[in-house]
């Protein structure tokens, strides 16, 4: 289940603040009605807090962790 290249469950990302996050899941990617069921990236920080953003907002502030 990949919404965009690199954006997949278990992928690691670095926020522009320097903190790291792990994608847990991509929500509503199979919904036919994106207006009522928009796509979300659900992700967790290293202290266990869970967050959700649209893919566009997520990618605007994150870069993939390489290696």
Protein backbone atom coordinates (compact mmCIF):
# COMPACT_ATOMS: atom_id res chain seq x y z
CA UNK A 1 0.00 0.00 0.00
CA UNK A 2 2.01 2.98 -1.24
CA UNK A 3 0.49 6.40 -1.72
CA UNK A 4 3.68 8.08 -2.89
CA UNK A 5 7.17 6.68 -3.43
CA UNK A 6 8.85 6.19 -0.06
CA UNK A 7 5.70 6.97 1.91
CA UNK A 8 4.83 3.56 3.35
CA UNK A 9 4.24 1.90 6.72
CA UNK A 10 7.42 1.48 8.78
CA UNK A 11 9.31 4.15 6.81
CA UNK A 12 11.32 6.61 8.94
CA UNK A 13 11.25 10.36 8.41
CA UNK A 14 13.10 13.36 9.80
CA UNK A 15 11.13 16.50 10.60
CA UNK A 16 12.75 19.87 9.84
CA UNK A 17 13.07 20.30 13.64
CA UNK A 18 15.40 17.30 13.76
CA UNK A 19 12.97 14.85 15.37
CA UNK A 20 12.36 11.42 13.84
CA UNK A 21 9.01 9.77 13.08
CA UNK A 22 7.83 6.38 11.87
CA UNK A 23 4.85 6.01 9.53
CA UNK A 24 2.31 3.60 11.04
CA UNK A 25 -0.23 3.51 8.23
CA UNK A 26 -1.78 5.36 5.34
CA UNK A 27 -5.49 5.88 6.01
CA UNK A 28 -8.31 6.00 3.46
CA UNK A 29 -6.09 5.24 0.46
CA UNK A 30 -8.75 2.93 -0.98
CA UNK A 31 -11.71 5.27 -0.39
CA UNK A 32 -13.62 6.23 -3.51
CA UNK A 33 -14.88 9.46 -1.95
CA UNK A 34 -11.76 11.48 -1.07
CA UNK A 35 -13.86 14.51 -0.17
CA UNK A 36 -15.56 12.70 2.72
CA UNK A 37 -12.67 10.30 3.42
CA UNK A 38 -9.42 12.21 2.82
CA UNK A 39 -6.09 10.42 2.88
CA UNK A 40 -3.96 10.69 6.00
CA UNK A 41 -0.50 9.66 7.06
CA UNK A 42 -0.63 8.29 10.61
CA UNK A 43 2.78 8.40 12.26
CA UNK A 44 4.47 8.13 15.66
CA UNK A 45 7.33 10.01 17.25
CA UNK A 46 10.07 8.26 19.19
CA UNK A 47 8.34 8.98 22.51
CA UNK A 48 5.19 7.11 21.38
CA UNK A 49 2.90 10.03 20.56
CA UNK A 50 0.71 9.48 17.49
CA UNK A 51 -0.02 12.12 14.85
CA UNK A 52 -1.94 12.36 11.55
CA UNK A 53 -1.56 14.74 8.61
CA UNK A 54 -2.53 14.84 4.98
CA UNK A 55 0.24 13.46 2.76
CA UNK A 56 0.89 16.94 1.38
CA UNK A 57 1.37 18.48 4.82
CA UNK A 58 3.45 15.53 6.00
CA UNK A 59 5.82 15.70 3.03
CA UNK A 60 6.17 19.49 3.29
CA UNK A 61 7.98 19.19 6.62
CA UNK A 62 9.66 15.76 6.41
CA UNK A 63 12.53 14.12 4.60
CA UNK A 64 13.02 10.37 4.40
CA UNK A 65 15.68 8.81 6.60
CA UNK A 66 18.28 7.19 4.36
CA UNK A 67 20.26 4.15 5.45
